[in-house]
Amino acid sequence: APFIAAQALIARGSDMRGAMVRGISPAEEATVTPLAAELKDGPLARLRSGEWGILLGSELARALGVREGDKITLVAPNGQVTPAGVVPRLKQFTLVGTFHAGHYEYDTGMALIHVDDAARLFQVEGPTGVQLKLKQALSARQVAAELAQSLGPEIYVRDWNRTNATW
């Protein structure tokens, strides 16, 4: 499943929290992650290109005091250069739902948006990564090494063992 990943600030009023924002293709994401498969007919289906919807981890939403339908502002780090200096990119999103992954890092610091909206917001031409689902999860390290070898040094490959080392 293709994705765009970037760090950003999510604001509601005077409250701000840092978050990892993942732009995803809802249909494709549901084929590779159990969380997305669980959410595919509910909140994930409400992430539509151009509608600027966002899903927040349950604890992140609680910390910001937001509920479904509330407007929140996403502050992207890649700003616009003006005579007054660099101005961050701001975009208002509508909270279309929350998720509970059961992992602290995701529930307190993850936001999901549509991959097309992420490309526009973060000013990239398309996905910055691809996530794979393997039949044998424990072969991830070997598959990652093989992909890194075949794709070359300009492509960064990592497996779930690295991404989730605390597990």
C-alpha atoms as a PDB file:
ATOM      1  CA  ALA A   1       0.000   0.000   0.000  1.00  0.00           C
ATOM      2  CA  PRO A   2       1.452   3.404  -0.934  1.00  0.00           C
ATOM      3  CA  PHE A   3       1.853   6.072   1.743  1.00  0.00           C
ATOM      4  CA  ILE A   4       3.246   9.497   2.517  1.00  0.00           C
ATOM      5  CA  ALA A   5       4.654   9.978   6.007  1.00  0.00           C
ATOM      6  CA  ALA A   6       5.531  13.301   7.617  1.00  0.00           C
ATOM      7  CA  GLN A   7       5.652  14.884  11.041  1.00  0.00           C
ATOM      8  CA  ALA A   8       3.362  17.798  11.760  1.00  0.00           C
ATOM      9  CA  LEU A   9       1.606  19.678  14.516  1.00  0.00           C
ATOM     10  CA  ILE A  10      -2.107  19.253  15.072  1.00  0.00           C
ATOM     11  CA  ALA A  11      -3.850  22.182  16.703  1.00  0.00           C
ATOM     12  CA  ARG A  12      -7.248  22.875  18.193  1.00  0.00           C
ATOM     13  CA  GLY A  13      -7.526  26.320  19.702  1.00  0.00           C
ATOM     14  CA  SER A  14      -4.436  26.867  21.829  1.00  0.00           C
ATOM     15  CA  ASP A  15      -3.730  23.131  22.218  1.00  0.00           C
ATOM     16  CA  MET A  16      -1.044  21.661  19.942  1.00  0.00           C
ATOM     17  CA  ARG A  17       0.366  18.179  19.693  1.00  0.00           C
ATOM     18  CA  GLY A  18       3.052  16.682  17.500  1.00  0.00           C
ATOM     19  CA  ALA A  19       1.986  13.760  15.336  1.00  0.00           C
ATOM     20  CA  MET A  20       3.168  11.410  12.639  1.00  0.00           C
ATOM     21  CA  VAL A  21       0.808  12.005   9.737  1.00  0.00           C
ATOM     22  CA  ARG A  22       0.355   9.162   7.287  1.00  0.00           C
ATOM     23  CA  GLY A  23      -1.286   9.800   3.974  1.00  0.00           C
ATOM     24  CA  ILE A  24      -2.827   6.507   2.920  1.00  0.00           C
ATOM     25  CA  SER A  25      -4.945   4.995   0.197  1.00  0.00           C
ATOM     26  CA  PRO A  26      -7.811   3.633   2.352  1.00  0.00           C
ATOM     27  CA  ALA A  27      -8.661   0.668   0.109  1.00  0.00           C
ATOM     28  CA  GLU A  28      -5.056  -0.429  -0.319  1.00  0.00           C
ATOM     29  CA  GLU A  29      -4.100   0.178   3.311  1.00  0.00           C
ATOM     30  CA  ALA A  30      -6.888  -2.181   4.399  1.00  0.00           C
ATOM     31  CA  THR A  31      -5.146  -5.000   2.521  1.00  0.00           C
ATOM     32  CA  VAL A  32      -1.870  -4.687   4.452  1.00  0.00           C
ATOM     33  CA  THR A  33      -2.585  -3.566   8.028  1.00  0.00           C
ATOM     34  CA  PRO A  34      -4.965  -5.186  10.517  1.00  0.00           C
ATOM     35  CA  LEU A  35      -5.990  -1.792  11.945  1.00  0.00           C
ATOM     36  CA  ALA A  36      -7.017  -0.473   8.521  1.00  0.00           C
ATOM     37  CA  ALA A  37      -8.846  -3.714   7.742  1.00  0.00           C
ATOM     38  CA  GLU A  38     -10.803  -3.275  10.974  1.00  0.00           C
ATOM     39  CA  LEU A  39     -11.655   0.353  10.111  1.00  0.00           C
ATOM     40  CA  LYS A  40     -12.244  -0.019   6.355  1.00  0.00           C
ATOM     41  CA  ASP A  41     -16.055   0.050   6.428  1.00  0.00           C
ATOM     42  CA  GLY A  42     -16.208   2.760   9.096  1.00  0.00           C
ATOM     43  CA  PRO A  43     -13.931   5.743   9.675  1.00  0.00           C
ATOM     44  CA  LEU A  44     -11.402   4.749   7.002  1.00  0.00           C
ATOM     45  CA  ALA A  45     -14.105   4.892   4.329  1.00  0.00           C
ATOM     46  CA  ARG A  46     -14.676   8.549   5.244  1.00  0.00           C
ATOM     47  CA  LEU A  47     -11.153   9.523   4.128  1.00  0.00           C
ATOM     48  CA  ARG A  48     -11.852  10.801   0.621  1.00  0.00           C
ATOM     49  CA  SER A  49      -9.533  12.658  -1.700  1.00  0.00           C
ATOM     50  CA  GLY A  50     -10.060  16.416  -1.596  1.00  0.00           C
ATOM     51  CA  GLU A  51     -12.387  16.376   1.423  1.00  0.00           C
ATOM     52  CA  TRP A  52      -9.591  16.991   3.954  1.00  0.00           C
ATOM     53  CA  GLY A  53     -10.774  14.451   6.494  1.00  0.00           C
ATOM     54  CA  ILE A  54      -8.517  13.140   9.245  1.00  0.00           C
ATOM     55  CA  LEU A  55      -8.494  10.183  11.637  1.00  0.00           C
ATOM     56  CA  LEU A  56      -6.693  10.583  14.951  1.00  0.00           C
ATOM     57  CA  GLY A  57      -5.435   8.063  17.458  1.00  0.00           C
ATOM     58  CA  SER A  58      -7.929   7.895  20.328  1.00  0.00           C
ATOM     59  CA  GLU A  59      -5.565   9.345  22.934  1.00  0.00           C
ATOM     60  CA  LEU A  60      -4.441  12.144  20.619  1.00  0.00           C
ATOM     61  CA  ALA A  61      -8.077  13.102  20.020  1.00  0.00           C
ATOM     62  CA  ARG A  62      -8.756  12.980  23.763  1.00  0.00           C
ATOM     63  CA  ALA A  63      -5.727  15.168  24.531  1.00  0.00           C
ATOM     64  CA  LEU A  64      -6.950  17.758  22.027  1.00  0.00           C
ATOM     65  CA  GLY A  65     -10.537  17.502  23.260  1.00  0.00           C
ATOM     66  CA  VAL A  66     -11.964  16.819  19.791  1.00  0.00           C
ATOM     67  CA  ARG A  67     -14.850  14.701  18.566  1.00  0.00           C
ATOM     68  CA  GLU A  68     -16.018  13.565  15.171  1.00  0.00           C
ATOM     69  CA  GLY A  69     -17.058  16.542  13.059  1.00  0.00           C
ATOM     70  CA  ASP A  70     -14.740  19.016  14.819  1.00  0.00           C
ATOM     71  CA  LYS A  71     -12.330  21.142  12.804  1.00  0.00           C
ATOM     72  CA  ILE A  72      -8.625  20.905  13.571  1.00  0.00           C
ATOM     73  CA  THR A  73      -5.622  22.581  11.996  1.00  0.00           C
ATOM     74  CA  LEU A  74      -2.626  20.703  10.700  1.00  0.00           C
ATOM     75  CA  VAL A  75       0.628  22.665  10.658  1.00  0.00           C
ATOM     76  CA  ALA A  76       3.050  21.244   8.083  1.00  0.00           C
ATOM     77  CA  PRO A  77       6.776  21.832   8.578  1.00  0.00           C
ATOM     78  CA  ASN A  78       7.486  22.633   4.923  1.00  0.00           C
ATOM     79  CA  GLY A  79       6.541  26.280   4.867  1.00  0.00           C
ATOM     80  CA  GLN A  80       6.343  28.952   2.232  1.00  0.00           C
ATOM     81  CA  VAL A  81       9.163  31.477   1.935  1.00  0.00           C
ATOM     82  CA  THR A  82       7.906  35.057   2.205  1.00  0.00           C
ATOM     83  CA  PRO A  83       9.652  38.414   2.710  1.00  0.00           C
ATOM     84  CA  ALA A  84       8.855  38.011   6.428  1.00  0.00           C
ATOM     85  CA  GLY A  85      10.555  34.617   6.581  1.00  0.00           C
ATOM     86  CA  VAL A  86       9.302  31.048   6.381  1.00  0.00           C
ATOM     87  CA  VAL A  87       5.591  30.722   7.090  1.00  0.00           C
ATOM     88  CA  PRO A  88       4.343  27.226   7.969  1.00  0.00           C
ATOM     89  CA  ARG A  89       1.659  25.640   5.812  1.00  0.00           C
ATOM     90  CA  LEU A  90      -1.666  25.433   7.629  1.00  0.00           C
ATOM     91  CA  LYS A  91      -4.655  23.378   6.555  1.00  0.00           C
ATOM     92  CA  GLN A  92      -7.978  22.848   8.275  1.00  0.00           C
ATOM     93  CA  PHE A  93      -9.217  19.261   8.481  1.00  0.00           C
ATOM     94  CA  THR A  94     -12.463  17.743   9.701  1.00  0.00           C
ATOM     95  CA  LEU A  95     -12.162  14.912  12.201  1.00  0.00           C
ATOM     96  CA  VAL A  96     -13.963  11.984  10.553  1.00  0.00           C
ATOM     97  CA  GLY A  97     -13.184   9.470  13.293  1.00  0.00           C
ATOM     98  CA  THR A  98     -10.701   8.037  15.738  1.00  0.00           C
ATOM     99  CA  PHE A  99      -8.948   4.710  16.073  1.00  0.00           C
ATOM    100  CA  HIS A 100      -7.632   2.647  18.938  1.00  0.00           C
ATOM    101  CA  ALA A 101      -4.628   0.596  17.855  1.00  0.00           C
ATOM    102  CA  GLY A 102      -3.749  -0.562  21.359  1.00  0.00           C
ATOM    103  CA  HIS A 103      -0.188   0.756  20.967  1.00  0.00           C
ATOM    104  CA  TYR A 104       0.741   3.900  22.872  1.00  0.00           C
ATOM    105  CA  GLU A 105       2.827   5.397  20.054  1.00  0.00           C
ATOM    106  CA  TYR A 106      -0.037   5.148  17.551  1.00  0.00           C
ATOM    107  CA  ASP A 107      -2.898   6.097  19.850  1.00  0.00           C
ATOM    108  CA  THR A 108      -1.126   9.231  21.145  1.00  0.00           C
ATOM    109  CA  GLY A 109       0.729  10.389  18.063  1.00  0.00           C
ATOM    110  CA  MET A 110      -0.687   9.127  14.773  1.00  0.00           C
ATOM    111  CA  ALA A 111      -3.009  10.794  12.297  1.00  0.00           C
ATOM    112  CA  LEU A 112      -4.285   9.315   9.031  1.00  0.00           C
ATOM    113  CA  ILE A 113      -5.320  11.359   5.985  1.00  0.00           C
ATOM    114  CA  HIS A 114      -5.952  10.495   2.338  1.00  0.00           C
ATOM    115  CA  VAL A 115      -2.734  10.067   0.331  1.00  0.00           C
ATOM    116  CA  ASP A 116      -3.877  12.656  -2.260  1.00  0.00           C
ATOM    117  CA  ASP A 117      -4.463  15.267   0.458  1.00  0.00           C
ATOM    118  CA  ALA A 118      -1.067  14.450   1.976  1.00  0.00           C
ATOM    119  CA  ALA A 119       0.644  14.947  -1.393  1.00  0.00           C
ATOM    120  CA  ARG A 120      -0.907  18.400  -1.743  1.00  0.00           C
ATOM    121  CA  LEU A 121      -0.224  19.426   1.847  1.00  0.00           C
ATOM    122  CA  PHE A 122       3.367  18.196   2.037  1.00  0.00           C
ATOM    123  CA  GLN A 123       4.114  19.198  -1.559  1.00  0.00           C
ATOM    124  CA  VAL A 124       5.261  15.833  -2.861  1.00  0.00           C
ATOM    125  CA  GLU A 125       4.379  14.359  -6.234  1.00  0.00           C
ATOM    126  CA  GLY A 126       3.261  10.982  -4.960  1.00  0.00           C
ATOM    127  CA  PRO A 127       3.822   8.308  -2.336  1.00  0.00           C
ATOM    128  CA  THR A 128       7.093   8.437  -0.436  1.00  0.00           C
ATOM    129  CA  GLY A 129       6.868   4.802   0.604  1.00  0.00           C
ATOM    130  CA  VAL A 130       5.200   1.470   0.077  1.00  0.00           C
ATOM    131  CA  GLN A 131       4.149  -0.887   2.847  1.00  0.00           C
ATOM    132  CA  LEU A 132       4.089  -4.635   2.207  1.00  0.00           C
ATOM    133  CA  LYS A 133       2.240  -7.428   3.950  1.00  0.00           C
ATOM    134  CA  LEU A 134       4.159 -10.679   4.110  1.00  0.00           C
ATOM    135  CA  LYS A 135       2.722 -14.156   4.530  1.00  0.00           C
ATOM    136  CA  GLN A 136       5.463 -14.879   7.074  1.00  0.00           C
ATOM    137  CA  ALA A 137       5.935 -11.833   9.335  1.00  0.00           C
ATOM    138  CA  LEU A 138       9.116 -13.271  10.817  1.00  0.00           C
ATOM    139  CA  SER A 139      10.766 -13.247   7.384  1.00  0.00           C
ATOM    140  CA  ALA A 140      10.580  -9.429   7.280  1.00  0.00           C
ATOM    141  CA  ARG A 141      14.262  -8.903   8.063  1.00  0.00           C
ATOM    142  CA  GLN A 142      15.324 -11.258   5.263  1.00  0.00           C
ATOM    143  CA  VAL A 143      12.868  -9.765   2.745  1.00  0.00           C
ATOM    144  CA  ALA A 144      14.022  -6.242   3.666  1.00  0.00           C
ATOM    145  CA  ALA A 145      17.658  -7.218   3.110  1.00  0.00           C
ATOM    146  CA  GLU A 146      16.811  -8.741  -0.283  1.00  0.00           C
ATOM    147  CA  LEU A 147      14.818  -5.650  -1.317  1.00  0.00           C
ATOM    148  CA  ALA A 148      17.605  -3.318  -0.203  1.00  0.00           C
ATOM    149  CA  GLN A 149      20.097  -5.332  -2.232  1.00  0.00           C
ATOM    150  CA  SER A 150      17.955  -5.378  -5.389  1.00  0.00           C
ATOM    151  CA  LEU A 151      16.691  -1.764  -5.188  1.00  0.00           C
ATOM    152  CA  GLY A 152      20.061  -0.170  -4.529  1.00  0.00           C
ATOM    153  CA  PRO A 153      21.399   2.347  -2.015  1.00  0.00           C
ATOM    154  CA  GLU A 154      19.160   5.252  -3.062  1.00  0.00           C
ATOM    155  CA  ILE A 155      16.090   3.417  -1.672  1.00  0.00           C
ATOM    156  CA  TYR A 156      15.722   3.141   2.106  1.00  0.00           C
ATOM    157  CA  VAL A 157      14.236  -0.194   3.196  1.00  0.00           C
ATOM    158  CA  ARG A 158      13.198  -0.985   6.751  1.00  0.00           C
ATOM    159  CA  ASP A 159      11.238  -3.787   8.310  1.00  0.00           C
ATOM    160  CA  TRP A 160       8.827  -3.931  11.226  1.00  0.00           C
ATOM    161  CA  ASN A 161      11.624  -5.161  13.510  1.00  0.00           C
ATOM    162  CA  ARG A 162      13.348  -1.783  13.112  1.00  0.00           C
ATOM    163  CA  THR A 163      10.216   0.326  13.020  1.00  0.00           C
ATOM    164  CA  ASN A 164       8.841  -1.262  16.181  1.00  0.00           C
ATOM    165  CA  ALA A 165      12.005  -2.157  18.055  1.00  0.00           C
ATOM    166  CA  THR A 166      10.279  -1.678  21.415  1.00  0.00           C
ATOM    167  CA  TRP A 167       7.976  -4.617  20.650  1.00  0.00           C
END
